[in-house]
PDB file of N, CA and C in Angstrom:
ATOM      1  N   VAL A   1      55.144  80.410 -72.650  1.00  0.00           N
ATOM      2  CA  VAL A   1      55.350  81.593 -71.836  1.00  0.00           C
ATOM      3  C   VAL A   1      54.014  82.324 -71.653  1.00  0.00           C
ATOM      4  N   THR A   2      53.217  82.397 -72.690  1.00  0.00           N
ATOM      5  CA  THR A   2      51.924  83.062 -72.613  1.00  0.00           C
ATOM      6  C   THR A   2      51.022  82.318 -71.634  1.00  0.00           C
ATOM      7  N   GLN A   3      51.089  80.999 -71.731  1.00  0.00           N
ATOM      8  CA  GLN A   3      50.271  80.195 -70.836  1.00  0.00           C
ATOM      9  C   GLN A   3      50.697  80.420 -69.384  1.00  0.00           C
ATOM     10  N   ASP A   4      52.007  80.482 -69.121  1.00  0.00           N
ATOM     11  CA  ASP A   4      52.511  80.745 -67.767  1.00  0.00           C
ATOM     12  C   ASP A   4      52.087  82.136 -67.298  1.00  0.00           C
ATOM     13  N   ALA A   5      52.132  83.106 -68.201  1.00  0.00           N
ATOM     14  CA  ALA A   5      51.741  84.473 -67.859  1.00  0.00           C
ATOM     15  C   ALA A   5      50.251  84.510 -67.508  1.00  0.00           C
ATOM     16  N   ASN A   6      49.428  83.812 -68.301  1.00  0.00           N
ATOM     17  CA  ASN A   6      47.989  83.761 -68.016  1.00  0.00           C
ATOM     18  C   ASN A   6      47.722  83.078 -66.685  1.00  0.00           C
ATOM     19  N   LEU A   7      48.451  82.006 -66.415  1.00  0.00           N
ATOM     20  CA  LEU A   7      48.295  81.289 -65.151  1.00  0.00           C
ATOM     21  C   LEU A   7      48.680  82.181 -63.972  1.00  0.00           C
ATOM     22  N   LEU A   8      49.781  82.897 -64.100  1.00  0.00           N
ATOM     23  CA  LEU A   8      50.213  83.818 -63.044  1.00  0.00           C
ATOM     24  C   LEU A   8      49.215  84.960 -62.862  1.00  0.00           C
ATOM     25  N   ALA A   9      48.686  85.483 -63.966  1.00  0.00           N
ATOM     26  CA  ALA A   9      47.693  86.563 -63.884  1.00  0.00           C
ATOM     27  C   ALA A   9      46.451  86.062 -63.156  1.00  0.00           C
ATOM     28  N   HIS A  10      46.027  84.838 -63.469  1.00  0.00           N
ATOM     29  CA  HIS A  10      44.866  84.249 -62.794  1.00  0.00           C
ATOM     30  C   HIS A  10      45.144  84.070 -61.302  1.00  0.00           C
ATOM     31  N   GLU A  11      46.314  83.568 -60.948  1.00  0.00           N
ATOM     32  CA  GLU A  11      46.671  83.388 -59.534  1.00  0.00           C
ATOM     33  C   GLU A  11      46.748  84.731 -58.812  1.00  0.00           C
ATOM     34  N   ILE A  12      47.247  85.757 -59.495  1.00  0.00           N
ATOM     35  CA  ILE A  12      47.311  87.095 -58.883  1.00  0.00           C
ATOM     36  C   ILE A  12      45.904  87.616 -58.630  1.00  0.00           C
ATOM     37  N   ARG A  13      44.983  87.446 -59.624  1.00  0.00           N
ATOM     38  CA  ARG A  13      43.598  87.878 -59.441  1.00  0.00           C
ATOM     39  C   ARG A  13      42.957  87.117 -58.276  1.00  0.00           C
ATOM     40  N   GLN A  14      43.230  85.840 -58.175  1.00  0.00           N
ATOM     41  CA  GLN A  14      42.681  85.025 -57.095  1.00  0.00           C
ATOM     42  C   GLN A  14      43.238  85.475 -55.748  1.00  0.00           C
ATOM     43  N   CYS A  15      44.527  85.772 -55.696  1.00  0.00           N
ATOM     44  CA  CYS A  15      45.142  86.265 -54.450  1.00  0.00           C
ATOM     45  C   CYS A  15      44.547  87.604 -54.050  1.00  0.00           C
ATOM     46  N   LYS A  16      44.335  88.486 -55.051  1.00  0.00           N
ATOM     47  CA  LYS A  16      43.735  89.785 -54.769  1.00  0.00           C
ATOM     48  C   LYS A  16      42.309  89.616 -54.240  1.00  0.00           C
ATOM     49  N   ALA A  17      41.563  88.687 -54.822  1.00  0.00           N
ATOM     50  CA  ALA A  17      40.187  88.430 -54.360  1.00  0.00           C
ATOM     51  C   ALA A  17      40.203  87.891 -52.930  1.00  0.00           C
ATOM     52  N   GLU A  18      41.137  86.977 -52.651  1.00  0.00           N
ATOM     53  CA  GLU A  18      41.255  86.436 -51.300  1.00  0.00           C
ATOM     54  C   GLU A  18      41.666  87.525 -50.313  1.00  0.00           C
ATOM     55  N   LEU A  19      42.561  88.420 -50.745  1.00  0.00           N
ATOM     56  CA  LEU A  19      42.990  89.536 -49.909  1.00  0.00           C
ATOM     57  C   LEU A  19      41.810  90.456 -49.601  1.00  0.00           C
ATOM     58  N   GLU A  20      41.014  90.760 -50.608  1.00  0.00           N
ATOM     59  CA  GLU A  20      39.836  91.610 -50.398  1.00  0.00           C
ATOM     60  C   GLU A  20      38.843  90.942 -49.445  1.00  0.00           C
ATOM     61  N   GLN A  21      38.661  89.619 -49.606  1.00  0.00           N
ATOM     62  CA  GLN A  21      37.773  88.878 -48.699  1.00  0.00           C
ATOM     63  C   GLN A  21      38.311  88.946 -47.270  1.00  0.00           C
ATOM     64  N   ALA A  22      39.617  88.773 -47.096  1.00  0.00           N
ATOM     65  CA  ALA A  22      40.239  88.837 -45.770  1.00  0.00           C
ATOM     66  C   ALA A  22      40.068  90.235 -45.174  1.00  0.00           C
ATOM     67  N   LYS A  23      40.188  91.276 -46.005  1.00  0.00           N
ATOM     68  CA  LYS A  23      40.006  92.649 -45.530  1.00  0.00           C
ATOM     69  C   LYS A  23      38.553  92.874 -45.085  1.00  0.00           C
ATOM     70  N   ARG A  24      37.578  92.338 -45.858  1.00  0.00           N
ATOM     71  CA  ARG A  24      36.166  92.483 -45.476  1.00  0.00           C
ATOM     72  C   ARG A  24      35.893  91.765 -44.147  1.00  0.00           C
ATOM     73  N   GLU A  25      36.471  90.573 -43.998  1.00  0.00           N
ATOM     74  CA  GLU A  25      36.300  89.835 -42.747  1.00  0.00           C
ATOM     75  C   GLU A  25      36.941  90.587 -41.581  1.00  0.00           C
ATOM     76  N   ARG A  26      38.129  91.161 -41.829  1.00  0.00           N
ATOM     77  CA  ARG A  26      38.791  91.954 -40.800  1.00  0.00           C
ATOM     78  C   ARG A  26      37.945  93.151 -40.405  1.00  0.00           C
ATOM     79  N   ASP A  27      37.399  93.856 -41.393  1.00  0.00           N
ATOM     80  CA  ASP A  27      36.569  95.028 -41.120  1.00  0.00           C
ATOM     81  C   ASP A  27      35.297  94.640 -40.367  1.00  0.00           C
ATOM     82  N   ALA A  28      34.710  93.497 -40.742  1.00  0.00           N
ATOM     83  CA  ALA A  28      33.519  93.024 -40.035  1.00  0.00           C
ATOM     84  C   ALA A  28      33.864  92.668 -38.590  1.00  0.00           C
ATOM     85  N   ALA A  29      35.017  92.035 -38.389  1.00  0.00           N
ATOM     86  CA  ALA A  29      35.447  91.685 -37.028  1.00  0.00           C
ATOM     87  C   ALA A  29      35.702  92.952 -36.213  1.00  0.00           C
ATOM     88  N   ARG A  30      36.298  93.960 -36.842  1.00  0.00           N
ATOM     89  CA  ARG A  30      36.527  95.239 -36.143  1.00  0.00           C
ATOM     90  C   ARG A  30      35.201  95.888 -35.745  1.00  0.00           C
ATOM     91  N   ALA A  31      34.240  95.877 -36.666  1.00  0.00           N
ATOM     92  CA  ALA A  31      32.932  96.464 -36.367  1.00  0.00           C
ATOM     93  C   ALA A  31      32.259  95.702 -35.230  1.00  0.00           C
ATOM     94  N   GLU A  32      32.360  94.385 -35.262  1.00  0.00           N
ATOM     95  CA  GLU A  32      31.776  93.577 -34.182  1.00  0.00           C
ATOM     96  C   GLU A  32      32.486  93.862 -32.866  1.00  0.00           C
ATOM     97  N   LEU A  33      33.792  94.045 -32.917  1.00  0.00           N
ATOM     98  CA  LEU A  33      34.555  94.360 -31.716  1.00  0.00           C
ATOM     99  C   LEU A  33      34.112  95.702 -31.132  1.00  0.00           C
ATOM    100  N   VAL A  34      33.852  96.679 -31.973  1.00  0.00           N
ATOM    101  CA  VAL A  34      33.376  97.980 -31.495  1.00  0.00           C
ATOM    102  C   VAL A  34      32.035  97.810 -30.780  1.00  0.00           C
ATOM    103  N   VAL A  35      31.146  96.997 -31.364  1.00  0.00           N
ATOM    104  CA  VAL A  35      29.837  96.752 -30.752  1.00  0.00           C
ATOM    105  C   VAL A  35      30.003  96.042 -29.410  1.00  0.00           C
ATOM    106  N   VAL A  36      30.856  95.036 -29.378  1.00  0.00           N
ATOM    107  CA  VAL A  36      31.079  94.287 -28.144  1.00  0.00           C
ATOM    108  C   VAL A  36      31.698  95.190 -27.077  1.00  0.00           C
ATOM    109  N   GLU A  37      32.659  96.032 -27.472  1.00  0.00           N
ATOM    110  CA  GLU A  37      33.264  96.960 -26.508  1.00  0.00           C
ATOM    111  C   GLU A  37      32.213  97.903 -25.928  1.00  0.00           C
ATOM    112  N   GLU A  38      31.291  98.377 -26.750  1.00  0.00           N
ATOM    113  CA  GLU A  38      30.222  99.259 -26.276  1.00  0.00           C
ATOM    114  C   GLU A  38      29.289  98.501 -25.326  1.00  0.00           C
ATOM    115  N   GLU A  39      28.978  97.249 -25.670  1.00  0.00           N
ATOM    116  CA  GLU A  39      28.136  96.439 -24.786  1.00  0.00           C
ATOM    117  C   GLU A  39      28.813  96.224 -23.436  1.00  0.00           C
ATOM    118  N   VAL A  40      30.110  95.969 -23.461  1.00  0.00           N
ATOM    119  CA  VAL A  40      30.858  95.773 -22.214  1.00  0.00           C
ATOM    120  C   VAL A  40      30.848  97.062 -21.402  1.00  0.00           C
ATOM    121  N   ARG A  41      31.050  98.195 -22.056  1.00  0.00           N
ATOM    122  CA  ARG A  41      31.031  99.480 -21.354  1.00  0.00           C
ATOM    123  C   ARG A  41      29.672  99.713 -20.700  1.00  0.00           C
ATOM    124  N   LEU A  42      28.606  99.409 -21.441  1.00  0.00           N
ATOM    125  CA  LEU A  42      27.264  99.587 -20.886  1.00  0.00           C
ATOM    126  C   LEU A  42      27.022  98.640 -19.712  1.00  0.00           C
ATOM    127  N   GLU A  43      27.503  97.413 -19.825  1.00  0.00           N
ATOM    128  CA  GLU A  43      27.351  96.451 -18.723  1.00  0.00           C
ATOM    129  C   GLU A  43      28.125  96.911 -17.488  1.00  0.00           C
ATOM    130  N   VAL A  44      29.328  97.444 -17.694  1.00  0.00           N
ATOM    131  CA  VAL A  44      30.114  97.951 -16.568  1.00  0.00           C
ATOM    132  C   VAL A  44      29.397  99.124 -15.911  1.00  0.00           C
ATOM    133  N   ASP A  45      28.850 100.018 -16.731  1.00  0.00           N
ATOM    134  CA  ASP A  45      28.095 101.150 -16.189  1.00  0.00           C
ATOM    135  C   ASP A  45      26.872 100.670 -15.411  1.00  0.00           C
ATOM    136  N   ALA A  46      26.179  99.675 -15.966  1.00  0.00           N
ATOM    137  CA  ALA A  46      25.000  99.138 -15.289  1.00  0.00           C
ATOM    138  C   ALA A  46      25.390  98.474 -13.972  1.00  0.00           C
ATOM    139  N   ALA A  47      26.506  97.762 -13.973  1.00  0.00           N
ATOM    140  CA  ALA A  47      26.967  97.113 -12.740  1.00  0.00           C
ATOM    141  C   ALA A  47      27.336  98.158 -11.691  1.00  0.00           C
ATOM    142  N   ALA A  48      27.965  99.245 -12.117  1.00  0.00           N
ATOM    143  CA  ALA A  48      28.322 100.317 -11.180  1.00  0.00           C
ATOM    144  C   ALA A  48      27.055 100.957 -10.604  1.00  0.00           C
ATOM    145  N   ALA A  49      26.069 101.193 -11.459  1.00  0.00           N
ATOM    146  CA  ALA A  49      24.809 101.776 -10.985  1.00  0.00           C
ATOM    147  C   ALA A  49      24.116 100.823 -10.013  1.00  0.00           C
ATOM    148  N   LEU A  50      24.123  99.540 -10.340  1.00  0.00           N
ATOM    149  CA  LEU A  50      23.511  98.546  -9.457  1.00  0.00           C
ATOM    150  C   LEU A  50      24.242  98.487  -8.121  1.00  0.00           C
ATOM    151  N   GLN A  51      25.563  98.587  -8.166  1.00  0.00           N
ATOM    152  CA  GLN A  51      26.335  98.576  -6.925  1.00  0.00           C
ATOM    153  C   GLN A  51      26.006  99.805  -6.077  1.00  0.00           C
ATOM    154  N   GLN A  52      25.843 100.950  -6.714  1.00  0.00           N
ATOM    155  CA  GLN A  52      25.496 102.169  -5.984  1.00  0.00           C
ATOM    156  C   GLN A  52      24.103 102.044  -5.366  1.00  0.00           C
ATOM    157  N   ILE A  53      23.154 101.507  -6.134  1.00  0.00           N
ATOM    158  CA  ILE A  53      21.799 101.310  -5.611  1.00  0.00           C
ATOM    159  C   ILE A  53      21.826 100.334  -4.443  1.00  0.00           C
ATOM    160  N   SER A  54      22.594  99.274  -4.589  1.00  0.00           N
ATOM    161  CA  SER A  54      22.707  98.281  -3.519  1.00  0.00           C
ATOM    162  C   SER A  54      23.316  98.907  -2.266  1.00  0.00           C
ATOM    163  N   SER A  55      24.334  99.718  -2.465  1.00  0.00           N
ATOM    164  CA  SER A  55      24.980 100.384  -1.336  1.00  0.00           C
ATOM    165  C   SER A  55      23.994 101.319  -0.625  1.00  0.00           C
ATOM    166  N   GLN A  56      23.232 102.075  -1.393  1.00  0.00           N
ATOM    167  CA  GLN A  56      22.241 102.968  -0.800  1.00  0.00           C
ATOM    168  C   GLN A  56      21.161 102.170  -0.069  1.00  0.00           C
ATOM    169  N   GLY A  57      20.783 101.034  -0.648  1.00  0.00           N
ATOM    170  CA  GLY A  57      19.801 100.173  -0.004  1.00  0.00           C
ATOM    171  C   GLY A  57      20.316  99.627   1.322  1.00  0.00           C
ATOM    172  N   MET A  58      21.579  99.228   1.336  1.00  0.00           N
ATOM    173  CA  MET A  58      22.174  98.714   2.570  1.00  0.00           C
ATOM    174  C   MET A  58      22.239  99.815   3.634  1.00  0.00           C
ATOM    175  N   LYS A  59      22.578 101.028   3.218  1.00  0.00           N
ATOM    176  CA  LYS A  59      22.601 102.148   4.172  1.00  0.00           C
ATOM    177  C   LYS A  59      21.202 102.408   4.720  1.00  0.00           C
ATOM    178  N   ALA A  60      20.210 102.398   3.837  1.00  0.00           N
ATOM    179  CA  ALA A  60      18.824 102.626   4.276  1.00  0.00           C
ATOM    180  C   ALA A  60      18.382 101.507   5.219  1.00  0.00           C
ATOM    181  N   LEU A  61      18.777 100.288   4.922  1.00  0.00           N
ATOM    182  CA  LEU A  61      18.438  99.161   5.787  1.00  0.00           C
ATOM    183  C   LEU A  61      19.084  99.319   7.161  1.00  0.00           C
ATOM    184  N   ALA A  62      20.338  99.768   7.176  1.00  0.00           N
ATOM    185  CA  ALA A  62      21.020  99.975   8.454  1.00  0.00           C
ATOM    186  C   ALA A  62      20.315 101.051   9.277  1.00  0.00           C
ATOM    187  N   VAL A  63      19.907 102.136   8.620  1.00  0.00           N
ATOM    188  CA  VAL A  63      19.188 103.207   9.316  1.00  0.00           C
ATOM    189  C   VAL A  63      17.863 102.672   9.845  1.00  0.00           C
ATOM    190  N   HIS A  64      17.151 101.934   9.007  1.00  0.00           N
ATOM    191  CA  HIS A  64      15.857 101.370   9.414  1.00  0.00           C
ATOM    192  C   HIS A  64      16.043 100.416  10.595  1.00  0.00           C
ATOM    193  N   THR A  65      17.052  99.578  10.538  1.00  0.00           N
ATOM    194  CA  THR A  65      17.318  98.633  11.622  1.00  0.00           C
ATOM    195  C   THR A  65      17.635  99.377  12.914  1.00  0.00           C
ATOM    196  N   HIS A  66      18.427 100.427  12.814  1.00  0.00           N
ATOM    197  CA  HIS A  66      18.755 101.234  13.995  1.00  0.00           C
ATOM    198  C   HIS A  66      17.492 101.867  14.574  1.00  0.00           C
ATOM    199  N   GLU A  67      16.654 102.423  13.702  1.00  0.00           N
ATOM    200  CA  GLU A  67      15.410 103.040  14.168  1.00  0.00           C
ATOM    201  C   GLU A  67      14.478 101.994  14.784  1.00  0.00           C
ATOM    202  N   ARG A  68      14.403 100.811  14.167  1.00  0.00           N
ATOM    203  CA  ARG A  68      13.563  99.743  14.704  1.00  0.00           C
ATOM    204  C   ARG A  68      14.058  99.314  16.079  1.00  0.00           C
ATOM    205  N   ASP A  69      15.380  99.147  16.209  1.00  0.00           N
ATOM    206  CA  ASP A  69      15.936  98.742  17.499  1.00  0.00           C
ATOM    207  C   ASP A  69      15.698  99.810  18.566  1.00  0.00           C
ATOM    208  N   ALA A  70      15.820 101.075  18.159  1.00  0.00           N
ATOM    209  CA  ALA A  70      15.568 102.164  19.108  1.00  0.00           C
ATOM    210  C   ALA A  70      14.089 102.166  19.522  1.00  0.00           C
ATOM    211  N   ALA A  71      13.197 101.921  18.561  1.00  0.00           N
ATOM    212  CA  ALA A  71      11.767 101.885  18.878  1.00  0.00           C
ATOM    213  C   ALA A  71      11.447 100.708  19.797  1.00  0.00           C
ATOM    214  N   LYS A  72      12.088  99.551  19.554  1.00  0.00           N
ATOM    215  CA  LYS A  72      11.870  98.396  20.425  1.00  0.00           C
ATOM    216  C   LYS A  72      12.372  98.680  21.837  1.00  0.00           C
ATOM    217  N   ALA A  73      13.528  99.327  21.941  1.00  0.00           N
ATOM    218  CA  ALA A  73      14.071  99.666  23.258  1.00  0.00           C
ATOM    219  C   ALA A  73      13.143 100.641  23.968  1.00  0.00           C
ATOM    220  N   GLU A  74      12.616 101.610  23.219  1.00  0.00           N
ATOM    221  CA  GLU A  74      11.683 102.583  23.801  1.00  0.00           C
ATOM    222  C   GLU A  74      10.400 101.879  24.239  1.00  0.00           C
ATOM    223  N   GLU A  75       9.933 100.921  23.442  1.00  0.00           N
ATOM    224  CA  GLU A  75       8.739 100.155  23.799  1.00  0.00           C
ATOM    225  C   GLU A  75       8.984  99.343  25.076  1.00  0.00           C
ATOM    226  N   GLU A  76      10.131  98.697  25.160  1.00  0.00           N
ATOM    227  CA  GLU A  76      10.457  97.918  26.357  1.00  0.00           C
ATOM    228  C   GLU A  76      10.535  98.820  27.592  1.00  0.00           C
ATOM    229  N   LYS A  77      11.122 100.015  27.419  1.00  0.00           N
ATOM    230  CA  LYS A  77      11.207 100.959  28.528  1.00  0.00           C
ATOM    231  C   LYS A  77       9.804 101.402  28.947  1.00  0.00           C
ATOM    232  N   ALA A  78       8.947 101.662  27.968  1.00  0.00           N
ATOM    233  CA  ALA A  78       7.571 102.073  28.272  1.00  0.00           C
ATOM    234  C   ALA A  78       6.820 100.957  28.989  1.00  0.00           C
ATOM    235  N   LYS A  79       7.024  99.700  28.562  1.00  0.00           N
ATOM    236  CA  LYS A  79       6.376  98.573  29.233  1.00  0.00           C
ATOM    237  C   LYS A  79       6.841  98.470  30.681  1.00  0.00           C
ATOM    238  N   LEU A  80       8.127  98.658  30.885  1.00  0.00           N
ATOM    239  CA  LEU A  80       8.667  98.604  32.241  1.00  0.00           C
ATOM    240  C   LEU A  80       8.108  99.748  33.087  1.00  0.00           C
ATOM    241  N   ASP A  81       8.013 100.943  32.488  1.00  0.00           N
ATOM    242  CA  ASP A  81       7.438 102.087  33.210  1.00  0.00           C
ATOM    243  C   ASP A  81       5.971 101.811  33.568  1.00  0.00           C
ATOM    244  N   VAL A  82       5.220 101.224  32.638  1.00  0.00           N
ATOM    245  CA  VAL A  82       3.821 100.891  32.898  1.00  0.00           C
ATOM    246  C   VAL A  82       3.731  99.862  34.016  1.00  0.00           C
ATOM    247  N   PHE A  83       4.582  98.851  33.979  1.00  0.00           N
ATOM    248  CA  PHE A  83       4.589  97.826  35.021  1.00  0.00           C
ATOM    249  C   PHE A  83       4.897  98.438  36.384  1.00  0.00           C
ATOM    250  N   ARG A  84       5.887  99.332  36.420  1.00  0.00           N
ATOM    251  CA  ARG A  84       6.232 100.005  37.687  1.00  0.00           C
ATOM    252  C   ARG A  84       5.079 100.882  38.164  1.00  0.00           C
ATOM    253  N   LEU A  85       4.475 101.612  37.224  1.00  0.00           N
ATOM    254  CA  LEU A  85       3.348 102.474  37.575  1.00  0.00           C
ATOM    255  C   LEU A  85       2.184 101.639  38.096  1.00  0.00           C
ATOM    256  N   LYS A  86       1.920 100.519  37.467  1.00  0.00           N
ATOM    257  CA  LYS A  86       0.846  99.618  37.909  1.00  0.00           C
ATOM    258  C   LYS A  86       1.130  99.133  39.333  1.00  0.00           C
ATOM    259  N   ASP A  87       2.376  98.720  39.581  1.00  0.00           N
ATOM    260  CA  ASP A  87       2.745  98.294  40.937  1.00  0.00           C
ATOM    261  C   ASP A  87       2.551  99.428  41.934  1.00  0.00           C
ATOM    262  N   ARG A  88       2.928 100.616  41.544  1.00  0.00           N
ATOM    263  CA  ARG A  88       2.795 101.762  42.451  1.00  0.00           C
ATOM    264  C   ARG A  88       1.327 102.053  42.738  1.00  0.00           C
ATOM    265  N   VAL A  89       0.496 102.019  41.673  1.00  0.00           N
ATOM    266  CA  VAL A  89      -0.940 102.262  41.845  1.00  0.00           C
ATOM    267  C   VAL A  89      -1.551 101.190  42.742  1.00  0.00           C
ATOM    268  N   GLU A  90      -1.169  99.932  42.513  1.00  0.00           N
ATOM    269  CA  GLU A  90      -1.684  98.857  43.355  1.00  0.00           C
ATOM    270  C   GLU A  90      -1.242  99.034  44.808  1.00  0.00           C
ATOM    271  N   ASN A  91      -0.004  99.468  44.992  1.00  0.00           N
ATOM    272  CA  ASN A  91       0.511  99.707  46.348  1.00  0.00           C
ATOM    273  C   ASN A  91      -0.260 100.834  47.026  1.00  0.00           C
ATOM    274  N   ILE A  92      -0.497 101.916  46.294  1.00  0.00           N
ATOM    275  CA  ILE A  92      -1.255 103.046  46.840  1.00  0.00           C
ATOM    276  C   ILE A  92      -2.692 102.603  47.149  1.00  0.00           C
ATOM    277  N   ALA A  93      -3.295 101.830  46.238  1.00  0.00           N
ATOM    278  CA  ALA A  93      -4.657 101.349  46.461  1.00  0.00           C
ATOM    279  C   ALA A  93      -4.694 100.452  47.693  1.00  0.00           C
ATOM    280  N   TYR A  94      -3.692  99.613  47.871  1.00  0.00           N
ATOM    281  CA  TYR A  94      -3.626  98.742  49.035  1.00  0.00           C
ATOM    282  C   TYR A  94      -3.522  99.576  50.315  1.00  0.00           C
ATOM    283  N   GLN A  95      -2.679 100.645  50.234  1.00  0.00           N
ATOM    284  CA  GLN A  95      -2.524 101.503  51.411  1.00  0.00           C
ATOM    285  C   GLN A  95      -3.826 102.246  51.696  1.00  0.00           C
ATOM    286  N   LEU A  96      -4.492 102.708  50.629  1.00  0.00           N
ATOM    287  CA  LEU A  96      -5.766 103.402  50.819  1.00  0.00           C
ATOM    288  C   LEU A  96      -6.821 102.481  51.398  1.00  0.00           C
ATOM    289  N   ASN A  97      -6.861 101.246  50.937  1.00  0.00           N
ATOM    290  CA  ASN A  97      -7.810 100.274  51.489  1.00  0.00           C
ATOM    291  C   ASN A  97      -7.493 100.011  52.966  1.00  0.00           C
ATOM    292  N   GLY A  98      -6.214  99.991  53.302  1.00  0.00           N
ATOM    293  CA  GLY A  98      -5.816  99.790  54.694  1.00  0.00           C
ATOM    294  C   GLY A  98      -6.237 100.952  55.570  1.00  0.00           C
ATOM    295  N   VAL A  99      -6.124 102.172  55.043  1.00  0.00           N
ATOM    296  CA  VAL A  99      -6.539 103.356  55.805  1.00  0.00           C
ATOM    297  C   VAL A  99      -8.043 103.383  55.947  1.00  0.00           C
ATOM    298  N   GLY A 100      -8.774 102.954  54.939  1.00  0.00           N
ATOM    299  CA  GLY A 100     -10.234 102.934  54.981  1.00  0.00           C
ATOM    300  C   GLY A 100     -10.754 101.948  55.998  1.00  0.00           C
ATOM    301  N   CYS A 101     -10.016 100.913  56.260  1.00  0.00           N
ATOM    302  CA  CYS A 101     -10.444  99.884  57.226  1.00  0.00           C
ATOM    303  C   CYS A 101     -10.238 100.360  58.652  1.00  0.00           C
ATOM    304  N   LEU A 102      -9.416 101.339  58.894  1.00  0.00           N
ATOM    305  CA  LEU A 102      -9.145 101.792  60.253  1.00  0.00           C
ATOM    306  C   LEU A 102     -10.282 102.568  60.758  1.00  0.00           C
TER     307      LEU A 102
END
């Protein structure tokens, strides 16, 4: 009976040690989970910030593209005005040369 009692006491001590080890592993896993959750939160925040920056960049690009297109249209209009003015000046010069010959 004493031997059985000693054997049971030893098994109980071993079970308690295993339980304590399992609790330490659980606590370590919980601590790691807290760290991972914080990393995920930071990554989500960083992704949101990146998305906002990207959105602002796209808006700025759209504004720049609109301004560039407007400047190109204005340049084309100015070229056409210059071409018309050149034709008009040449026409006037031709008429003046014709009057000078009379």
